[in-house]
Amino acid sequence: MPNSRNPLVVGRVIGDVLDPFESSIPLRVTYGSRDVTNGCEFKPSQVPNQPRVSVGGDDLRTLYTLVLVDPDAPSPSNPSFREYLHWLVTDIPATTGASFGNEIVAYQSPRPTMGIHRFVFVLFRQQCRQRVYAPGWRQNFNTREFAELYNLGLPVAAVFFNCQRETGSGGRTF
């Protein structure tokens, strides 16, 4: 897919959160009956509980790590908490979902107060089962540094949605 059409490039997920990569594993994220597709919109009232996450692959011995971050916290025009960590799950076996993994950081529902925020699910293939430590705080998490620290390499899949406060209006500010 040319970069100009890749929704992760258009939405600046590649650049702000991730380096360029090729998606190689199916990743399905569902809130209620609605799938997350790149750039779709959800209101905070639609995402209060952790989503259902299905991970592809074909070898149950292969494990994955899932990260959910908000690169626009506290506001897109001043993302001084970039990236805010909303969820971290490790040791997810291929062909299963996040509920089969080890939750390191509990899901925290998106509740943006200013502007339109991107919420990015990133899936990494683990080299092996290893102990992963929860960061001391959620703000200023860095997905790239996390992947380097735990030798995860580039992502194998990612998807993002947009969210703003229930009464929000207006577009993204950069």
N, C-alpha and C. Protein backbone atom coordinates (compact mmCIF):
# COMPACT_ATOMS: atom_id res chain seq x y z
N MET A 1 0.86 -1.18 0.00
CA MET A 1 0.00 0.00 0.00
C MET A 1 0.90 1.24 0.00
N PRO A 2 0.72 2.15 -0.94
CA PRO A 2 1.55 3.36 -0.95
C PRO A 2 1.34 4.16 0.33
N ASN A 3 2.43 4.77 0.80
CA ASN A 3 2.35 5.53 2.05
C ASN A 3 1.30 6.61 2.03
N SER A 4 1.06 7.22 0.86
CA SER A 4 0.08 8.31 0.80
C SER A 4 -1.33 7.82 1.08
N ARG A 5 -1.56 6.52 0.94
CA ARG A 5 -2.90 5.97 1.19
C ARG A 5 -2.98 5.17 2.47
N ASN A 6 -1.86 4.90 3.10
CA ASN A 6 -1.86 4.12 4.33
C ASN A 6 -2.50 4.97 5.42
N PRO A 7 -3.63 4.52 6.00
CA PRO A 7 -4.31 5.33 7.01
C PRO A 7 -3.45 5.61 8.24
N LEU A 8 -2.49 4.75 8.54
CA LEU A 8 -1.60 4.99 9.67
C LEU A 8 -0.64 6.14 9.39
N VAL A 9 -0.31 6.34 8.11
CA VAL A 9 0.52 7.48 7.71
C VAL A 9 -0.34 8.74 7.65
N VAL A 10 -1.50 8.63 7.01
CA VAL A 10 -2.41 9.77 6.90
C VAL A 10 -2.79 10.29 8.28
N GLY A 11 -3.08 9.38 9.23
CA GLY A 11 -3.45 9.75 10.59
C GLY A 11 -2.26 10.09 11.48
N ARG A 12 -1.06 10.08 10.89
CA ARG A 12 0.19 10.41 11.57
C ARG A 12 0.49 9.49 12.75
N VAL A 13 -0.06 8.28 12.75
CA VAL A 13 0.32 7.28 13.75
C VAL A 13 1.75 6.85 13.45
N ILE A 14 2.01 6.57 12.15
CA ILE A 14 3.39 6.34 11.73
C ILE A 14 4.01 7.73 11.67
N GLY A 15 4.98 7.92 12.49
CA GLY A 15 5.60 9.23 12.66
C GLY A 15 5.50 9.64 14.12
N ASP A 16 4.29 9.83 14.62
CA ASP A 16 4.10 10.24 16.01
C ASP A 16 4.34 9.10 17.00
N VAL A 17 3.91 7.89 16.64
CA VAL A 17 3.98 6.75 17.58
C VAL A 17 4.90 5.64 17.07
N LEU A 18 4.80 5.34 15.78
CA LEU A 18 5.48 4.18 15.21
C LEU A 18 6.39 4.55 14.05
N ASP A 19 7.40 3.72 13.83
CA ASP A 19 8.19 3.81 12.61
C ASP A 19 7.46 3.02 11.53
N PRO A 20 7.76 3.27 10.26
CA PRO A 20 7.09 2.51 9.19
C PRO A 20 7.28 1.00 9.38
N PHE A 21 6.22 0.25 9.11
CA PHE A 21 6.26 -1.22 9.22
C PHE A 21 5.22 -1.80 8.27
N GLU A 22 5.35 -3.09 8.01
CA GLU A 22 4.37 -3.81 7.20
C GLU A 22 3.53 -4.67 8.13
N SER A 23 2.22 -4.51 8.06
CA SER A 23 1.32 -5.34 8.85
C SER A 23 1.40 -6.78 8.36
N SER A 24 1.58 -7.72 9.28
CA SER A 24 1.74 -9.11 8.87
C SER A 24 0.84 -10.09 9.64
N ILE A 25 0.12 -9.60 10.64
CA ILE A 25 -0.76 -10.46 11.45
C ILE A 25 -2.13 -9.79 11.53
N PRO A 26 -3.21 -10.53 11.33
CA PRO A 26 -4.53 -9.93 11.51
C PRO A 26 -4.76 -9.51 12.97
N LEU A 27 -5.30 -8.30 13.15
CA LEU A 27 -5.65 -7.78 14.46
C LEU A 27 -7.05 -7.21 14.35
N ARG A 28 -7.96 -7.73 15.19
CA ARG A 28 -9.35 -7.24 15.19
C ARG A 28 -9.68 -6.74 16.58
N VAL A 29 -10.12 -5.49 16.66
CA VAL A 29 -10.49 -4.87 17.92
C VAL A 29 -11.95 -4.48 17.81
N THR A 30 -12.76 -4.91 18.79
CA THR A 30 -14.20 -4.69 18.73
C THR A 30 -14.71 -4.15 20.06
N TYR A 31 -15.43 -3.04 19.99
CA TYR A 31 -16.16 -2.50 21.14
C TYR A 31 -17.63 -2.81 20.90
N GLY A 32 -18.21 -3.65 21.76
CA GLY A 32 -19.59 -4.08 21.54
C GLY A 32 -19.66 -4.85 20.24
N SER A 33 -20.48 -4.38 19.31
CA SER A 33 -20.58 -5.06 18.01
C SER A 33 -19.86 -4.28 16.91
N ARG A 34 -19.10 -3.26 17.29
CA ARG A 34 -18.48 -2.39 16.29
C ARG A 34 -16.96 -2.56 16.24
N ASP A 35 -16.46 -2.88 15.07
CA ASP A 35 -15.02 -3.03 14.87
C ASP A 35 -14.33 -1.68 14.84
N VAL A 36 -13.12 -1.64 15.34
CA VAL A 36 -12.27 -0.47 15.20
C VAL A 36 -11.61 -0.54 13.83
N THR A 37 -11.81 0.50 13.04
CA THR A 37 -11.12 0.63 11.76
C THR A 37 -10.35 1.94 11.80
N ASN A 38 -9.26 2.01 11.07
CA ASN A 38 -8.39 3.17 11.13
C ASN A 38 -9.16 4.47 10.87
N GLY A 39 -9.09 5.37 11.85
CA GLY A 39 -9.70 6.67 11.71
C GLY A 39 -11.17 6.75 12.06
N CYS A 40 -11.79 5.64 12.44
CA CYS A 40 -13.21 5.69 12.81
C CYS A 40 -13.35 6.47 14.11
N GLU A 41 -14.59 6.89 14.40
CA GLU A 41 -14.84 7.68 15.60
C GLU A 41 -15.66 6.91 16.61
N PHE A 42 -15.27 7.04 17.87
CA PHE A 42 -16.02 6.52 19.01
C PHE A 42 -16.15 7.64 20.02
N LYS A 43 -17.24 7.66 20.74
CA LYS A 43 -17.42 8.56 21.87
C LYS A 43 -16.95 7.83 23.12
N PRO A 44 -16.54 8.55 24.17
CA PRO A 44 -16.12 7.88 25.40
C PRO A 44 -17.16 6.90 25.95
N SER A 45 -18.44 7.22 25.79
CA SER A 45 -19.50 6.33 26.30
C SER A 45 -19.55 5.01 25.53
N GLN A 46 -18.90 4.93 24.37
CA GLN A 46 -18.89 3.69 23.58
C GLN A 46 -17.69 2.81 23.91
N VAL A 47 -16.73 3.33 24.69
CA VAL A 47 -15.50 2.58 24.94
C VAL A 47 -15.14 2.49 26.44
N PRO A 48 -16.16 2.37 27.31
CA PRO A 48 -15.83 2.38 28.75
C PRO A 48 -15.13 1.10 29.21
N ASN A 49 -15.39 0.00 28.53
CA ASN A 49 -14.82 -1.29 28.92
C ASN A 49 -13.83 -1.76 27.87
N GLN A 50 -12.86 -2.56 28.32
CA GLN A 50 -11.85 -3.02 27.38
C GLN A 50 -12.52 -3.75 26.21
N PRO A 51 -11.97 -3.58 25.03
CA PRO A 51 -12.55 -4.19 23.84
C PRO A 51 -12.21 -5.67 23.76
N ARG A 52 -12.89 -6.35 22.86
CA ARG A 52 -12.54 -7.71 22.50
C ARG A 52 -11.44 -7.60 21.45
N VAL A 53 -10.33 -8.27 21.68
CA VAL A 53 -9.19 -8.21 20.75
C VAL A 53 -8.89 -9.61 20.27
N SER A 54 -8.87 -9.79 18.95
CA SER A 54 -8.52 -11.08 18.36
C SER A 54 -7.22 -10.93 17.59
N VAL A 55 -6.30 -11.85 17.87
CA VAL A 55 -4.99 -11.83 17.24
C VAL A 55 -4.90 -13.02 16.30
N GLY A 56 -4.38 -12.77 15.12
CA GLY A 56 -4.22 -13.84 14.12
C GLY A 56 -2.98 -14.66 14.38
N GLY A 57 -2.41 -15.16 13.32
CA GLY A 57 -1.24 -16.03 13.42
C GLY A 57 -1.68 -17.47 13.29
N ASP A 58 -0.70 -18.37 13.28
CA ASP A 58 -1.06 -19.77 13.09
C ASP A 58 -0.34 -20.71 14.04
N ASP A 59 0.56 -20.21 14.86
CA ASP A 59 1.31 -21.06 15.77
C ASP A 59 1.01 -20.63 17.21
N LEU A 60 0.32 -21.46 17.96
CA LEU A 60 -0.06 -21.13 19.33
C LEU A 60 1.14 -20.85 20.23
N ARG A 61 2.32 -21.30 19.81
CA ARG A 61 3.52 -21.05 20.62
C ARG A 61 4.03 -19.62 20.44
N THR A 62 3.56 -18.93 19.40
CA THR A 62 3.96 -17.55 19.18
C THR A 62 3.15 -16.64 20.10
N LEU A 63 3.84 -15.73 20.78
CA LEU A 63 3.19 -14.83 21.72
C LEU A 63 3.27 -13.39 21.23
N TYR A 64 2.29 -12.58 21.65
CA TYR A 64 2.21 -11.19 21.21
C TYR A 64 2.00 -10.26 22.40
N THR A 65 2.40 -9.02 22.21
CA THR A 65 2.19 -7.95 23.18
C THR A 65 1.31 -6.89 22.54
N LEU A 66 0.31 -6.43 23.29
CA LEU A 66 -0.61 -5.40 22.81
C LEU A 66 -0.47 -4.16 23.67
N VAL A 67 -0.36 -3.01 23.01
CA VAL A 67 -0.24 -1.72 23.68
C VAL A 67 -1.35 -0.82 23.15
N LEU A 68 -1.99 -0.06 24.03
CA LEU A 68 -2.97 0.96 23.64
C LEU A 68 -2.48 2.30 24.19
N VAL A 69 -2.23 3.26 23.28
CA VAL A 69 -1.73 4.57 23.70
C VAL A 69 -2.54 5.70 23.07
N ASP A 70 -2.49 6.84 23.75
CA ASP A 70 -3.07 8.09 23.26
C ASP A 70 -1.91 9.06 23.03
N PRO A 71 -1.53 9.31 21.76
CA PRO A 71 -0.43 10.23 21.51
C PRO A 71 -0.83 11.70 21.58
N ASP A 72 -2.08 11.99 21.89
CA ASP A 72 -2.59 13.36 21.87
C ASP A 72 -2.95 13.90 23.26
N ALA A 73 -2.46 13.27 24.31
CA ALA A 73 -2.80 13.69 25.68
C ALA A 73 -1.86 14.80 26.14
N PRO A 74 -2.37 15.79 26.84
CA PRO A 74 -3.76 16.02 27.21
C PRO A 74 -4.58 16.68 26.10
N SER A 75 -3.90 17.27 25.09
CA SER A 75 -4.64 17.83 23.96
C SER A 75 -3.78 17.71 22.71
N PRO A 76 -4.41 17.55 21.53
CA PRO A 76 -3.64 17.41 20.30
C PRO A 76 -2.71 18.60 20.02
N SER A 77 -3.11 19.80 20.45
CA SER A 77 -2.26 20.97 20.20
C SER A 77 -1.11 21.08 21.20
N ASN A 78 -1.19 20.34 22.31
CA ASN A 78 -0.12 20.35 23.31
C ASN A 78 -0.02 18.95 23.93
N PRO A 79 0.53 17.99 23.18
CA PRO A 79 0.56 16.59 23.66
C PRO A 79 1.71 16.34 24.64
N SER A 80 1.73 17.07 25.74
CA SER A 80 2.84 16.99 26.68
C SER A 80 2.90 15.67 27.45
N PHE A 81 1.83 14.88 27.42
CA PHE A 81 1.85 13.55 28.05
C PHE A 81 2.07 12.45 27.02
N ARG A 82 2.33 12.83 25.78
CA ARG A 82 2.53 11.83 24.71
C ARG A 82 3.56 10.83 25.14
N GLU A 83 3.32 9.62 25.06
CA GLU A 83 2.08 8.90 24.80
C GLU A 83 1.49 8.52 26.14
N TYR A 84 0.18 8.56 26.27
CA TYR A 84 -0.48 8.13 27.50
C TYR A 84 -0.87 6.68 27.33
N LEU A 85 -0.40 5.83 28.25
CA LEU A 85 -0.63 4.39 28.16
C LEU A 85 -1.99 4.03 28.74
N HIS A 86 -2.86 3.44 27.91
CA HIS A 86 -4.19 3.05 28.36
C HIS A 86 -4.32 1.56 28.65
N TRP A 87 -3.41 0.75 28.09
CA TRP A 87 -3.54 -0.70 28.29
C TRP A 87 -2.26 -1.37 27.83
N LEU A 88 -1.86 -2.42 28.53
CA LEU A 88 -0.68 -3.20 28.15
C LEU A 88 -0.93 -4.66 28.52
N VAL A 89 -0.90 -5.53 27.50
CA VAL A 89 -1.12 -6.96 27.69
C VAL A 89 0.00 -7.71 26.98
N THR A 90 0.62 -8.66 27.67
CA THR A 90 1.70 -9.46 27.09
C THR A 90 1.28 -10.93 27.02
N ASP A 91 2.12 -11.72 26.37
CA ASP A 91 1.96 -13.18 26.32
C ASP A 91 0.61 -13.62 25.77
N ILE A 92 0.13 -12.94 24.72
CA ILE A 92 -1.12 -13.32 24.07
C ILE A 92 -0.78 -14.38 23.03
N PRO A 93 -1.30 -15.61 23.18
CA PRO A 93 -1.01 -16.64 22.19
C PRO A 93 -1.67 -16.33 20.85
N ALA A 94 -0.97 -16.67 19.77
CA ALA A 94 -1.53 -16.50 18.43
C ALA A 94 -2.87 -17.21 18.36
N THR A 95 -3.73 -16.72 17.52
CA THR A 95 -5.09 -17.25 17.25
C THR A 95 -6.04 -17.07 18.43
N THR A 96 -5.65 -16.30 19.45
CA THR A 96 -6.54 -16.07 20.59
C THR A 96 -6.79 -14.56 20.70
N GLY A 97 -6.96 -14.10 21.91
CA GLY A 97 -7.21 -12.68 22.12
C GLY A 97 -6.56 -12.18 23.39
N ALA A 98 -6.72 -10.88 23.63
CA ALA A 98 -6.07 -10.24 24.78
C ALA A 98 -6.49 -10.88 26.11
N SER A 99 -7.71 -11.42 26.18
CA SER A 99 -8.17 -12.02 27.43
C SER A 99 -7.35 -13.26 27.80
N PHE A 100 -6.57 -13.80 26.86
CA PHE A 100 -5.74 -14.97 27.13
C PHE A 100 -4.32 -14.57 27.52
N GLY A 101 -4.05 -13.26 27.49
CA GLY A 101 -2.71 -12.77 27.81
C GLY A 101 -2.56 -12.38 29.26
N ASN A 102 -1.45 -11.74 29.55
CA ASN A 102 -1.10 -11.30 30.90
C ASN A 102 -1.25 -9.77 30.93
N GLU A 103 -2.28 -9.28 31.63
CA GLU A 103 -2.51 -7.84 31.69
C GLU A 103 -1.50 -7.20 32.65
N ILE A 104 -0.62 -6.37 32.10
CA ILE A 104 0.42 -5.71 32.88
C ILE A 104 -0.09 -4.36 33.40
N VAL A 105 -0.79 -3.62 32.53
CA VAL A 105 -1.41 -2.35 32.90
C VAL A 105 -2.89 -2.46 32.55
N ALA A 106 -3.75 -2.29 33.55
CA ALA A 106 -5.20 -2.44 33.35
C ALA A 106 -5.74 -1.41 32.35
N TYR A 107 -6.77 -1.83 31.64
CA TYR A 107 -7.43 -0.95 30.67
C TYR A 107 -7.99 0.28 31.37
N GLN A 108 -7.71 1.43 30.81
CA GLN A 108 -8.29 2.69 31.27
C GLN A 108 -9.03 3.30 30.09
N SER A 109 -10.32 3.52 30.27
CA SER A 109 -11.14 3.99 29.15
C SER A 109 -10.73 5.39 28.71
N PRO A 110 -10.79 5.63 27.40
CA PRO A 110 -10.48 6.96 26.86
C PRO A 110 -11.49 8.00 27.36
N ARG A 111 -10.96 9.13 27.82
CA ARG A 111 -11.80 10.24 28.27
C ARG A 111 -11.13 11.57 27.91
N PRO A 112 -10.97 11.83 26.62
CA PRO A 112 -10.33 13.09 26.23
C PRO A 112 -11.15 14.30 26.66
N THR A 113 -10.47 15.36 27.05
CA THR A 113 -11.17 16.57 27.48
C THR A 113 -11.09 17.69 26.45
N MET A 114 -10.06 17.67 25.61
CA MET A 114 -9.89 18.72 24.60
C MET A 114 -9.48 18.12 23.27
N GLY A 115 -10.20 18.49 22.21
CA GLY A 115 -9.81 18.08 20.87
C GLY A 115 -10.13 16.63 20.57
N ILE A 116 -9.74 16.23 19.38
CA ILE A 116 -9.93 14.86 18.91
C ILE A 116 -8.62 14.10 19.15
N HIS A 117 -8.72 13.01 19.89
CA HIS A 117 -7.54 12.20 20.22
C HIS A 117 -7.53 10.93 19.38
N ARG A 118 -6.32 10.47 19.06
CA ARG A 118 -6.14 9.17 18.42
C ARG A 118 -5.82 8.15 19.51
N PHE A 119 -6.45 7.00 19.44
CA PHE A 119 -6.15 5.90 20.35
C PHE A 119 -5.64 4.76 19.49
N VAL A 120 -4.39 4.36 19.77
CA VAL A 120 -3.65 3.46 18.88
C VAL A 120 -3.40 2.12 19.56
N PHE A 121 -3.90 1.05 18.93
CA PHE A 121 -3.60 -0.31 19.36
C PHE A 121 -2.41 -0.78 18.53
N VAL A 122 -1.37 -1.26 19.21
CA VAL A 122 -0.16 -1.72 18.53
C VAL A 122 0.11 -3.16 18.98
N LEU A 123 0.35 -4.03 18.01
CA LEU A 123 0.62 -5.44 18.30
C LEU A 123 2.06 -5.77 17.90
N PHE A 124 2.80 -6.38 18.84
CA PHE A 124 4.17 -6.81 18.59
C PHE A 124 4.27 -8.32 18.75
N ARG A 125 5.12 -8.95 17.97
CA ARG A 125 5.44 -10.37 18.15
C ARG A 125 6.58 -10.45 19.15
N GLN A 126 6.39 -11.25 20.19
CA GLN A 126 7.44 -11.44 21.20
C GLN A 126 8.44 -12.46 20.70
N GLN A 127 9.71 -12.25 21.08
CA GLN A 127 10.75 -13.23 20.74
C GLN A 127 10.64 -14.44 21.67
N CYS A 128 10.17 -14.19 22.90
CA CYS A 128 10.05 -15.25 23.89
C CYS A 128 9.15 -14.73 25.02
N ARG A 129 8.79 -15.63 25.92
CA ARG A 129 8.05 -15.22 27.11
C ARG A 129 9.07 -14.56 28.04
N GLN A 130 8.73 -13.37 28.54
CA GLN A 130 9.66 -12.67 29.42
C GLN A 130 8.87 -11.82 30.41
N ARG A 131 9.50 -11.47 31.49
CA ARG A 131 8.84 -10.62 32.48
C ARG A 131 8.87 -9.18 31.97
N VAL A 132 7.68 -8.58 31.90
CA VAL A 132 7.55 -7.19 31.49
C VAL A 132 7.05 -6.42 32.70
N TYR A 133 7.68 -5.31 32.96
CA TYR A 133 7.32 -4.52 34.12
C TYR A 133 6.42 -3.35 33.73
N ALA A 134 5.43 -3.09 34.57
CA ALA A 134 4.56 -1.94 34.35
C ALA A 134 5.37 -0.67 34.58
N PRO A 135 5.20 0.32 33.72
CA PRO A 135 5.89 1.58 33.97
C PRO A 135 5.36 2.23 35.24
N GLY A 136 6.13 3.13 35.82
CA GLY A 136 5.74 3.79 37.07
C GLY A 136 4.55 4.71 36.91
N TRP A 137 4.28 5.17 35.68
CA TRP A 137 3.15 6.06 35.42
C TRP A 137 2.72 5.85 33.98
N ARG A 138 1.54 6.31 33.67
CA ARG A 138 0.97 6.11 32.33
C ARG A 138 1.41 7.18 31.34
N GLN A 139 1.59 8.43 31.81
CA GLN A 139 1.93 9.49 30.88
C GLN A 139 3.38 9.36 30.43
N ASN A 140 3.66 9.88 29.23
CA ASN A 140 4.98 9.89 28.62
C ASN A 140 5.55 8.49 28.37
N PHE A 141 4.66 7.52 28.18
CA PHE A 141 5.08 6.19 27.72
C PHE A 141 5.61 6.37 26.31
N ASN A 142 6.56 5.55 25.90
CA ASN A 142 7.09 5.64 24.55
C ASN A 142 7.08 4.25 23.93
N THR A 143 6.20 4.06 22.95
CA THR A 143 6.03 2.74 22.34
C THR A 143 7.33 2.25 21.71
N ARG A 144 8.04 3.14 21.02
CA ARG A 144 9.30 2.75 20.38
C ARG A 144 10.33 2.29 21.42
N GLU A 145 10.47 3.06 22.51
CA GLU A 145 11.44 2.70 23.54
C GLU A 145 11.03 1.41 24.25
N PHE A 146 9.74 1.22 24.47
CA PHE A 146 9.23 -0.01 25.09
C PHE A 146 9.60 -1.21 24.21
N ALA A 147 9.36 -1.08 22.90
CA ALA A 147 9.67 -2.18 21.97
C ALA A 147 11.16 -2.48 21.97
N GLU A 148 11.98 -1.45 22.05
CA GLU A 148 13.43 -1.65 22.07
C GLU A 148 13.87 -2.31 23.37
N LEU A 149 13.34 -1.84 24.49
CA LEU A 149 13.69 -2.38 25.80
C LEU A 149 13.42 -3.88 25.88
N TYR A 150 12.29 -4.32 25.31
CA TYR A 150 11.91 -5.73 25.39
C TYR A 150 12.19 -6.49 24.10
N ASN A 151 13.01 -5.91 23.24
CA ASN A 151 13.46 -6.58 22.01
C ASN A 151 12.28 -7.09 21.17
N LEU A 152 11.27 -6.22 20.97
CA LEU A 152 10.07 -6.60 20.24
C LEU A 152 10.16 -6.31 18.74
N GLY A 153 11.06 -5.45 18.35
CA GLY A 153 11.18 -5.11 16.93
C GLY A 153 10.03 -4.22 16.49
N LEU A 154 9.79 -4.22 15.18
CA LEU A 154 8.70 -3.42 14.63
C LEU A 154 7.35 -4.08 14.91
N PRO A 155 6.28 -3.30 14.94
CA PRO A 155 4.95 -3.90 15.13
C PRO A 155 4.62 -4.87 14.00
N VAL A 156 3.68 -5.77 14.27
CA VAL A 156 3.15 -6.66 13.24
C VAL A 156 1.75 -6.25 12.83
N ALA A 157 1.13 -5.34 13.61
CA ALA A 157 -0.20 -4.82 13.27
C ALA A 157 -0.47 -3.59 14.13
N ALA A 158 -1.33 -2.71 13.62
CA ALA A 158 -1.77 -1.55 14.40
C ALA A 158 -3.09 -1.06 13.81
N VAL A 159 -3.90 -0.48 14.67
CA VAL A 159 -5.17 0.12 14.25
C VAL A 159 -5.47 1.26 15.23
N PHE A 160 -6.13 2.32 14.74
CA PHE A 160 -6.43 3.43 15.63
C PHE A 160 -7.83 3.96 15.39
N PHE A 161 -8.38 4.58 16.45
CA PHE A 161 -9.66 5.27 16.31
C PHE A 161 -9.52 6.66 16.90
N ASN A 162 -10.44 7.53 16.51
CA ASN A 162 -10.49 8.90 17.03
C ASN A 162 -11.57 8.98 18.10
N CYS A 163 -11.36 9.84 19.08
CA CYS A 163 -12.32 10.01 20.16
C CYS A 163 -12.23 11.43 20.69
N GLN A 164 -13.39 12.00 21.01
CA GLN A 164 -13.44 13.31 21.65
C GLN A 164 -14.53 13.27 22.70
N ARG A 165 -14.52 14.26 23.57
CA ARG A 165 -15.52 14.26 24.63
C ARG A 165 -16.92 14.30 24.03
N GLU A 166 -17.89 13.81 24.78
CA GLU A 166 -19.26 13.65 24.27
C GLU A 166 -19.82 14.92 23.67
N THR A 167 -19.55 16.06 24.28
CA THR A 167 -20.12 17.31 23.79
C THR A 167 -19.15 18.03 22.87
N GLY A 168 -18.06 17.35 22.51
CA GLY A 168 -17.03 17.98 21.68
C GLY A 168 -17.51 18.35 20.30
N SER A 169 -16.96 19.39 19.79
CA SER A 169 -17.23 19.77 18.41
C SER A 169 -15.94 20.36 17.84
N GLY A 170 -15.89 20.42 16.54
CA GLY A 170 -14.72 20.97 15.90
C GLY A 170 -13.73 19.90 15.53
N GLY A 171 -12.75 20.28 14.77
CA GLY A 171 -11.81 19.30 14.23
C GLY A 171 -10.52 19.21 15.03
N ARG A 172 -9.63 18.40 14.51
CA ARG A 172 -8.32 18.17 15.12
C ARG A 172 -7.51 19.45 15.00
N THR A 173 -6.76 19.77 16.05
CA THR A 173 -5.87 20.91 16.00
C THR A 173 -4.44 20.41 16.13
N PHE A 174 -3.58 20.89 15.27
CA PHE A 174 -2.16 20.47 15.32
C PHE A 174 -1.29 21.67 15.55
